[in-house]
Amino acid sequence: MNNEDGTIKLTNVNYAITDGVTTAINASFAGYFNGQSINSTVSVTGDGLDDLTRKQVEEKARESLKTYIANGTLNTAQPVADTTAAE
């Protein structure tokens, strides 16, 4: 992988379940952007988490990750993608 190629891959998906209810889905990413290493976990929260496919979780998490990278705030807070706000 080239350090300049902007490749950021989904590496892991974890479900946070409390009392039988999915409360968050955490998507972890690793790769490179503008020559810098990126490692991040984005929490997808909101309603209807059990209805999301893995691809939908990845898309929502990537949207948030892109925003945090673009804003330069990736290291200041854990990104969160709310499923209720995106619908």
Protein backbone atom coordinates (compact mmCIF):
# COMPACT_ATOMS: atom_id res chain seq x y z
CA MET A 1 0.00 0.00 0.00
CA ASN A 2 1.33 3.39 -1.00
CA ASN A 3 1.38 6.02 1.78
CA GLU A 4 -0.07 8.59 -0.62
CA ASP A 5 -2.90 6.56 -2.15
CA GLY A 6 -5.70 7.46 0.27
CA THR A 7 -6.65 3.84 0.88
CA ILE A 8 -8.60 3.45 4.13
CA LYS A 9 -10.00 -0.03 4.72
CA LEU A 10 -12.68 -1.30 7.06
CA THR A 11 -10.89 -3.67 9.43
CA ASN A 12 -13.49 -4.61 12.04
CA VAL A 13 -17.17 -4.30 12.97
CA ASN A 14 -18.32 -4.76 16.59
CA TYR A 15 -21.83 -4.60 18.01
CA ALA A 16 -22.47 -3.06 21.44
CA ILE A 17 -25.46 -4.86 22.93
CA THR A 18 -27.05 -3.97 26.27
CA ASP A 19 -29.90 -6.07 27.65
CA GLY A 20 -30.46 -7.63 24.22
CA VAL A 21 -30.67 -4.26 22.43
CA THR A 22 -28.02 -3.06 19.96
CA THR A 23 -26.92 0.35 21.26
CA ALA A 24 -24.05 1.02 18.85
CA ILE A 25 -22.12 -0.54 16.00
CA ASN A 26 -18.41 0.27 16.03
CA ALA A 27 -16.59 0.25 12.68
CA SER A 28 -12.78 0.33 12.74
CA PHE A 29 -10.72 1.66 9.85
CA ALA A 30 -7.01 1.66 9.02
CA GLY A 31 -5.03 3.07 6.13
CA TYR A 32 -3.40 6.18 4.74
CA PHE A 33 -4.55 9.64 3.70
CA ASN A 34 -2.21 12.36 2.42
CA GLY A 35 0.81 10.39 3.59
CA GLN A 36 -0.45 10.00 7.15
CA SER A 37 -1.53 6.82 8.87
CA ILE A 38 -5.21 6.72 9.85
CA ASN A 39 -6.56 4.40 12.55
CA SER A 40 -10.06 5.17 13.78
CA THR A 41 -13.16 3.60 15.25
CA VAL A 42 -16.49 5.20 14.39
CA SER A 43 -19.59 4.46 16.46
CA VAL A 44 -22.83 4.23 14.51
CA THR A 45 -25.72 5.02 16.86
CA GLY A 46 -29.43 5.73 16.66
CA ASP A 47 -32.60 3.81 15.92
CA GLY A 48 -32.88 0.77 13.67
CA LEU A 49 -29.35 -0.53 14.15
CA ASP A 50 -30.47 -4.16 13.90
CA ASP A 51 -31.95 -3.45 10.46
CA LEU A 52 -28.69 -2.16 8.95
CA THR A 53 -26.60 -4.36 6.68
CA ARG A 54 -22.82 -4.45 7.07
CA LYS A 55 -22.52 -2.35 3.92
CA GLN A 56 -24.91 0.29 5.31
CA VAL A 57 -22.94 0.42 8.57
CA GLU A 58 -19.72 0.90 6.61
CA GLU A 59 -21.27 3.66 4.46
CA LYS A 60 -22.57 5.60 7.48
CA ALA A 61 -19.29 5.21 9.35
CA ARG A 62 -17.25 6.29 6.28
CA GLU A 63 -19.39 9.43 5.93
CA SER A 64 -18.48 10.45 9.48
CA LEU A 65 -14.85 9.46 9.04
CA LYS A 66 -14.57 11.61 5.90
CA THR A 67 -16.04 14.58 7.76
CA TYR A 68 -13.59 14.23 10.64
CA ILE A 69 -10.62 13.87 8.27
CA ALA A 70 -11.74 16.89 6.21
CA ASN A 71 -12.23 19.02 9.33
CA GLY A 72 -8.92 17.94 10.84
CA THR A 73 -10.70 16.83 14.01
CA LEU A 74 -10.01 13.10 13.78
CA ASN A 75 -7.80 13.07 16.89
CA THR A 76 -10.02 15.30 19.06
CA ALA A 77 -13.15 13.16 19.44
CA GLN A 78 -14.50 9.75 18.60
CA PRO A 79 -16.55 10.06 15.41
CA VAL A 80 -20.21 9.09 15.71
CA ALA A 81 -22.63 8.44 12.86
CA ASP A 82 -26.26 8.70 13.99
CA THR A 83 -28.58 6.52 11.94
CA THR A 84 -31.63 8.58 12.81
CA ALA A 85 -30.13 11.84 11.52
CA ALA A 86 -29.05 10.32 8.20
CA GLU A 87 -32.48 9.10 7.14
